[in-house]
Amino acid sequence: MREKRLTVFSPFRGREIGGDETSALLPKVNPPHLFCPSNVQGLSPNPTGEEEMGWPRKQARHWHPLQTAYHSLDSFSSCVKYLSFFWNLVFFVAGLLILAIGIWGLFHKESLASERITYLGSDPMLFFVLAGLVASTMSLLGCLGALFENTCFLKLLCGGIITFMIMEVLGAIIFFSLRHQIKASLQDSLTAAVLRYQDDADLQFIMNEIQAGLQCCGVESYQDWKTNLYFNCSSPGVQACGVPSSCCLDPLENGTILNSQCGFGTLGLEEFAAQSIIYLGGCVPQLSRWLDDHTGAISSYFVFLIVIEIGSLLLATKLQADFAFAKTRC
């Protein structure tokens, strides 16, 4: 009986191959442009002999589309990838710590209670919450974008960094241009804090922190506390002719427990006697001197922040370019 022949055309070589009709057909292979050859292990770039069909028969039956759907990076790009991941991971942890501090402050002062929720916008701890939330979210985008090679996350990170840099530069320009108006506004705010010291827990907290941190008392001098209803010398209370404990030189009085009455009666003393117990200078002059003395340090911190943001921006941009280049090789 005459043997029948089956003609097969190779999709890669375009040549005719003969074989028995009963022989096994060649496996169906996806078009080569759907694969990245550098990721296929054991593939010969120039098959010869029995591999003239384009793909080795033994390896073809083990291939799966998911195996070759990923692109590879060179060694330098891989280093940049993991450097970007750990870079963003550090700031992600730092953002979570800032967020935790802000949340702890809100719960500690009971600012989230239903009767005080209307004053939440003026709580200074809200700044820590927002700053930590933004920092951790942006850093998480950088971590996920680098680890999973997601260009969408990296683009969001770049957009956020550029937005913050523009806001910081504009803020610095506005602060320098309106520094005199800002000083007057700060003086008015501190005056209001002195008058309402016992009425608002947030103002009391801010005033105590400013006085203890800057080692000052009052707005222009310690005599400003006479305008407070409770500290006025004509007041019948125990706080009459006194100042807050944050004005004291040694509020602990060499102990471990704060003496809240260390400033009582100091407004009725002479300056020579009072200066051994409390700070006499006001907070506005002290703040002006502090800013003048620490201008270089503040500028260095600002430059350091900008450098960090530029570094994150360059890493994210480099990764996007590497991912795009690696896809073109597939």
Protein backbone atom coordinates (compact mmCIF):
# COMPACT_ATOMS: atom_id res chain seq x y z
CA MET A 1 0.00 0.00 0.00
CA ARG A 2 1.32 3.38 -0.96
CA GLU A 3 2.48 5.42 2.00
CA LYS A 4 0.74 8.72 2.44
CA ARG A 5 2.78 11.86 3.15
CA LEU A 6 1.66 14.85 5.18
CA THR A 7 3.12 18.25 4.37
CA VAL A 8 3.74 20.61 7.33
CA PHE A 9 4.81 24.22 7.06
CA SER A 10 7.03 25.66 9.78
CA PRO A 11 5.69 29.00 11.07
CA PHE A 12 9.27 30.17 11.70
CA ARG A 13 11.34 28.82 8.80
CA GLY A 14 8.69 28.78 6.10
CA ARG A 15 9.97 25.42 4.76
CA GLU A 16 8.23 22.18 3.96
CA ILE A 17 8.68 19.20 6.29
CA GLY A 18 7.54 15.72 5.49
CA GLY A 19 6.41 13.02 7.90
CA ASP A 20 4.07 10.12 8.41
CA GLU A 21 0.39 10.82 8.64
CA THR A 22 0.23 8.83 11.84
CA SER A 23 3.17 10.67 13.50
CA ALA A 24 2.47 13.10 16.35
CA LEU A 25 1.82 16.65 15.30
CA LEU A 26 4.17 19.34 16.44
CA PRO A 27 3.01 21.25 19.54
CA LYS A 28 1.29 24.50 18.94
CA VAL A 29 3.58 27.39 19.92
CA ASN A 30 2.51 30.95 20.63
CA PRO A 31 4.05 33.69 18.47
CA PRO A 32 7.54 34.60 19.66
CA HIS A 33 6.71 38.27 20.24
CA LEU A 34 4.57 37.33 23.27
CA PHE A 35 7.63 36.02 25.11
CA CYS A 36 10.81 37.48 26.45
CA PRO A 37 13.51 34.99 25.27
CA SER A 38 15.91 36.04 28.04
CA ASN A 39 13.51 34.55 30.59
CA VAL A 40 13.18 31.14 28.92
CA GLN A 41 15.72 28.78 30.47
CA GLY A 42 17.65 26.54 28.12
CA LEU A 43 16.43 28.12 24.89
CA SER A 44 18.93 28.06 22.07
CA PRO A 45 18.95 31.33 20.07
CA ASN A 46 20.08 29.64 16.83
CA PRO A 47 18.57 26.12 16.77
CA THR A 48 20.06 23.73 14.27
CA GLY A 49 19.52 20.14 13.18
CA GLU A 50 16.50 18.64 14.79
CA GLU A 51 15.62 22.01 16.33
CA GLU A 52 15.14 23.71 12.98
CA MET A 53 11.43 23.95 13.73
CA GLY A 54 12.20 26.95 15.96
CA TRP A 55 11.54 25.48 19.42
CA PRO A 56 12.86 22.25 21.01
CA ARG A 57 10.19 19.60 21.25
CA LYS A 58 11.13 18.45 24.75
CA GLN A 59 10.97 21.96 26.21
CA ALA A 60 7.88 23.04 24.29
CA ARG A 61 5.53 20.75 26.18
CA HIS A 62 6.58 22.29 29.52
CA TRP A 63 6.00 25.93 28.59
CA HIS A 64 3.19 27.92 30.09
CA PRO A 65 2.12 31.46 29.15
CA LEU A 66 2.50 32.69 32.75
CA GLN A 67 6.13 31.64 32.78
CA THR A 68 7.20 34.21 30.21
CA ALA A 69 4.78 37.06 30.91
CA TYR A 70 7.39 38.84 33.08
CA HIS A 71 10.31 40.98 31.94
CA SER A 72 13.79 40.91 33.45
CA LEU A 73 16.10 43.71 34.65
CA ASP A 74 19.87 43.95 34.47
CA SER A 75 21.95 43.85 37.64
CA PHE A 76 22.19 47.64 38.05
CA SER A 77 18.45 48.13 37.58
CA SER A 78 17.77 45.37 40.11
CA CYS A 79 19.98 47.17 42.64
CA VAL A 80 18.07 50.41 42.01
CA LYS A 81 14.80 48.52 42.43
CA TYR A 82 15.64 47.12 45.87
CA LEU A 83 17.36 50.33 46.96
CA SER A 84 14.15 52.21 46.17
CA PHE A 85 12.14 49.62 48.09
CA PHE A 86 14.22 49.91 51.28
CA TRP A 87 14.47 53.71 50.89
CA ASN A 88 10.69 54.01 50.90
CA LEU A 89 10.34 51.35 53.60
CA VAL A 90 12.33 53.50 56.04
CA PHE A 91 10.06 56.51 55.50
CA PHE A 92 6.98 54.27 55.62
CA VAL A 93 7.95 53.16 59.14
CA ALA A 94 8.75 56.76 60.13
CA GLY A 95 5.34 57.88 58.84
CA LEU A 96 3.61 55.17 60.87
CA LEU A 97 5.44 56.34 64.02
CA ILE A 98 4.34 59.95 63.44
CA LEU A 99 0.77 58.74 62.81
CA ALA A 100 0.84 56.68 66.03
CA ILE A 101 2.04 59.71 68.03
CA GLY A 102 -0.78 61.84 66.63
CA ILE A 103 -3.46 59.22 67.34
CA TRP A 104 -2.09 58.68 70.86
CA GLY A 105 -2.23 62.44 71.49
CA LEU A 106 -5.84 62.67 70.32
CA PHE A 107 -6.95 59.81 72.56
CA HIS A 108 -4.86 61.02 75.50
CA LYS A 109 -6.51 64.46 75.41
CA GLU A 110 -9.92 62.92 74.59
CA SER A 111 -10.17 65.11 71.49
CA LEU A 112 -12.22 62.42 69.74
CA ALA A 113 -14.95 62.51 72.40
CA SER A 114 -18.37 63.54 71.13
CA GLU A 115 -18.47 66.71 73.24
CA ARG A 116 -15.07 67.90 71.93
CA ILE A 117 -15.15 66.67 68.33
CA THR A 118 -16.11 70.18 67.11
CA TYR A 119 -12.71 71.49 68.29
CA LEU A 120 -10.75 68.77 66.51
CA GLY A 121 -9.62 71.13 63.74
CA SER A 122 -7.63 73.26 66.20
CA ASP A 123 -5.91 70.33 67.90
CA PRO A 124 -2.13 70.39 67.19
CA MET A 125 -2.05 66.58 67.28
CA LEU A 126 -4.14 66.56 64.11
CA PHE A 127 -1.07 67.83 62.25
CA PHE A 128 0.89 64.73 63.31
CA VAL A 129 -1.97 62.49 62.16
CA LEU A 130 -2.18 64.11 58.73
CA ALA A 131 1.61 64.28 58.25
CA GLY A 132 2.05 60.63 59.27
CA LEU A 133 -0.83 59.48 57.09
CA VAL A 134 0.48 61.30 54.01
CA ALA A 135 4.10 60.17 54.55
CA SER A 136 3.18 56.53 55.13
CA THR A 137 0.78 56.43 52.16
CA MET A 138 3.28 57.94 49.72
CA SER A 139 6.09 55.68 50.97
CA LEU A 140 3.82 52.62 50.65
CA LEU A 141 3.19 53.52 47.02
CA GLY A 142 6.94 53.64 46.48
CA CYS A 143 7.46 50.25 48.17
CA LEU A 144 4.73 48.52 46.17
CA GLY A 145 5.73 50.20 42.92
CA ALA A 146 9.36 49.10 43.27
CA LEU A 147 8.68 45.58 44.53
CA PHE A 148 5.97 44.67 42.02
CA GLU A 149 7.32 46.86 39.20
CA ASN A 150 4.08 48.83 39.02
CA THR A 151 4.60 52.03 37.05
CA CYS A 152 1.17 53.37 38.06
CA PHE A 153 2.18 53.47 41.74
CA LEU A 154 5.51 55.05 40.84
CA LYS A 155 3.78 57.77 38.82
CA LEU A 156 1.49 58.55 41.76
CA LEU A 157 4.56 58.77 44.01
CA CYS A 158 6.30 61.17 41.62
CA GLY A 159 3.20 63.34 41.36
CA GLY A 160 2.87 63.51 45.15
CA ILE A 161 6.54 64.38 45.66
CA ILE A 162 6.43 67.15 43.05
CA THR A 163 3.26 68.56 44.64
CA PHE A 164 4.84 68.65 48.11
CA MET A 165 8.03 70.25 46.81
CA ILE A 166 6.04 73.02 45.14
CA MET A 167 4.03 73.59 48.34
CA GLU A 168 7.18 73.71 50.48
CA VAL A 169 8.92 76.21 48.20
CA LEU A 170 5.82 78.41 48.05
CA GLY A 171 5.46 78.18 51.85
CA ALA A 172 9.07 79.28 52.35
CA ILE A 173 8.60 82.23 49.98
CA ILE A 174 5.36 83.30 51.69
CA PHE A 175 6.93 82.98 55.16
CA PHE A 176 9.90 85.13 54.17
CA SER A 177 7.76 87.73 52.43
CA LEU A 178 5.15 88.01 55.22
CA ARG A 179 7.40 87.41 58.23
CA HIS A 180 6.38 90.70 59.89
CA GLN A 181 2.67 89.98 59.49
CA ILE A 182 3.23 86.44 60.77
CA LYS A 183 5.01 87.78 63.85
CA ALA A 184 2.08 90.12 64.60
CA SER A 185 -0.40 87.27 64.12
CA LEU A 186 1.64 85.05 66.44
CA GLN A 187 1.66 87.77 69.08
CA ASP A 188 -2.13 88.08 68.88
CA SER A 189 -2.50 84.30 69.15
CA LEU A 190 -0.28 84.11 72.24
CA THR A 191 -2.19 86.98 73.84
CA ALA A 192 -5.44 85.08 73.30
CA ALA A 193 -3.83 81.95 74.76
CA VAL A 194 -2.86 83.87 77.91
CA LEU A 195 -6.39 85.24 78.34
CA ARG A 196 -8.07 81.83 77.79
CA TYR A 197 -5.41 79.69 79.44
CA GLN A 198 -7.78 77.85 81.81
CA ASP A 199 -10.69 77.72 79.35
CA ASP A 200 -9.13 75.73 76.48
CA ALA A 201 -7.02 72.62 77.09
CA ASP A 202 -5.40 72.88 73.64
CA LEU A 203 -4.30 76.49 74.18
CA GLN A 204 -3.03 75.55 77.63
CA PHE A 205 -0.99 72.68 76.15
CA ILE A 206 0.46 74.88 73.38
CA MET A 207 1.32 77.72 75.77
CA ASN A 208 3.03 75.39 78.22
CA GLU A 209 5.08 73.78 75.46
CA ILE A 210 6.16 77.15 74.05
CA GLN A 211 7.11 78.57 77.46
CA ALA A 212 9.00 75.44 78.54
CA GLY A 213 10.70 75.02 75.17
CA LEU A 214 11.75 78.63 74.67
CA GLN A 215 12.30 79.28 78.39
CA CYS A 216 10.03 82.31 78.42
CA CYS A 217 6.96 83.56 80.26
CA GLY A 218 4.05 85.53 78.82
CA VAL A 219 3.91 87.33 75.48
CA GLU A 220 6.27 90.30 75.98
CA SER A 221 7.11 89.67 79.65
CA TYR A 222 5.91 87.67 82.64
CA GLN A 223 3.71 90.64 83.65
CA ASP A 224 1.33 89.72 80.79
CA TRP A 225 -0.19 87.03 83.04
CA LYS A 226 -1.85 89.78 85.04
CA THR A 227 -4.39 90.05 82.20
CA ASN A 228 -5.58 86.53 82.97
CA LEU A 229 -8.65 86.50 85.21
CA TYR A 230 -7.37 83.71 87.45
CA PHE A 231 -3.74 84.90 87.75
CA ASN A 232 -4.64 88.54 88.39
CA CYS A 233 -3.64 89.78 91.83
CA SER A 234 -7.20 90.90 92.53
CA SER A 235 -8.49 87.37 91.95
CA PRO A 236 -9.77 85.61 95.10
CA GLY A 237 -8.46 82.20 93.98
CA VAL A 238 -5.27 80.41 95.01
CA GLN A 239 -3.73 81.24 91.61
CA ALA A 240 -3.82 84.99 92.30
CA CYS A 241 -0.54 86.82 91.50
CA GLY A 242 0.86 83.66 89.98
CA VAL A 243 2.05 82.26 86.64
CA PRO A 244 1.87 78.74 85.16
CA SER A 245 4.41 76.15 86.23
CA SER A 246 5.88 76.18 82.70
CA CYS A 247 7.35 79.61 83.54
CA CYS A 248 9.40 78.21 86.43
CA LEU A 249 13.16 77.72 86.17
CA ASP A 250 12.88 74.39 87.97
CA PRO A 251 9.24 73.19 87.87
CA LEU A 252 10.25 69.85 89.40
CA GLU A 253 12.15 71.59 92.22
CA ASN A 254 14.83 68.90 92.17
CA GLY A 255 12.20 66.19 92.44
CA THR A 256 10.40 63.82 90.10
CA ILE A 257 6.86 65.25 90.33
CA LEU A 258 5.86 68.56 88.75
CA ASN A 259 5.06 71.29 91.26
CA SER A 260 2.10 73.05 89.66
CA GLN A 261 2.26 75.83 92.29
CA CYS A 262 5.92 76.80 91.79
CA GLY A 263 4.92 80.07 90.09
CA PHE A 264 2.24 81.15 92.56
CA GLY A 265 2.78 84.62 94.08
CA THR A 266 5.63 85.59 91.74
CA LEU A 267 3.70 88.50 90.14
CA GLY A 268 3.74 90.24 93.50
CA LEU A 269 7.54 90.00 93.87
CA GLU A 270 10.21 92.40 92.70
CA GLU A 271 11.99 91.47 89.46
CA PHE A 272 15.22 90.74 91.33
CA ALA A 273 13.44 88.20 93.55
CA ALA A 274 11.24 86.80 90.77
CA GLN A 275 14.13 86.10 88.39
CA SER A 276 15.40 83.34 90.67
CA ILE A 277 12.07 81.50 90.38
CA ILE A 278 10.63 82.14 86.89
CA TYR A 279 11.67 83.35 83.42
CA LEU A 280 11.08 87.07 83.04
CA GLY A 281 11.34 87.45 79.26
CA GLY A 282 8.35 87.11 76.96
CA CYS A 283 7.96 84.40 74.30
CA VAL A 284 7.74 86.67 71.23
CA PRO A 285 11.18 88.31 71.76
CA GLN A 286 12.64 84.94 72.73
CA LEU A 287 11.21 83.33 69.58
CA SER A 288 12.70 86.10 67.42
CA ARG A 289 16.12 85.56 69.00
CA TRP A 290 15.79 81.80 68.59
CA LEU A 291 14.98 82.13 64.88
CA ASP A 292 17.92 84.48 64.35
CA ASP A 293 20.29 82.10 66.14
CA HIS A 294 19.06 78.97 64.34
CA THR A 295 18.58 80.31 60.82
CA GLY A 296 21.39 78.13 59.49
CA ALA A 297 20.03 74.98 61.16
CA ILE A 298 16.50 75.62 59.86
CA SER A 299 17.86 76.16 56.34
CA SER A 300 19.85 72.93 56.60
CA TYR A 301 16.77 70.97 57.66
CA PHE A 302 14.81 72.43 54.77
CA VAL A 303 17.56 71.55 52.28
CA PHE A 304 17.82 68.05 53.78
CA LEU A 305 14.08 67.53 53.29
CA ILE A 306 14.30 68.70 49.68
CA VAL A 307 17.26 66.35 49.04
CA ILE A 308 15.30 63.39 50.43
CA GLU A 309 12.35 64.20 48.18
CA ILE A 310 14.60 64.66 45.14
CA GLY A 311 16.28 61.32 45.89
CA SER A 312 12.91 59.55 46.04
CA LEU A 313 11.86 61.28 42.82
CA LEU A 314 15.05 60.25 40.98
CA LEU A 315 14.76 56.62 42.12
CA ALA A 316 11.12 56.41 41.04
CA THR A 317 11.89 58.02 37.67
CA LYS A 318 14.85 55.70 37.06
CA LEU A 319 12.74 52.64 37.85
CA GLN A 320 10.02 53.72 35.43
CA ALA A 321 12.62 54.11 32.67
CA ASP A 322 14.16 50.70 33.47
CA PHE A 323 10.80 48.96 33.43
CA ALA A 324 9.90 50.54 30.10
CA PHE A 325 13.26 49.58 28.59
CA ALA A 326 12.98 45.99 29.83
CA LYS A 327 9.55 45.63 28.21
CA THR A 328 10.90 46.74 24.84
CA ARG A 329 13.35 43.83 24.85
CA CYS A 330 10.54 41.30 25.06
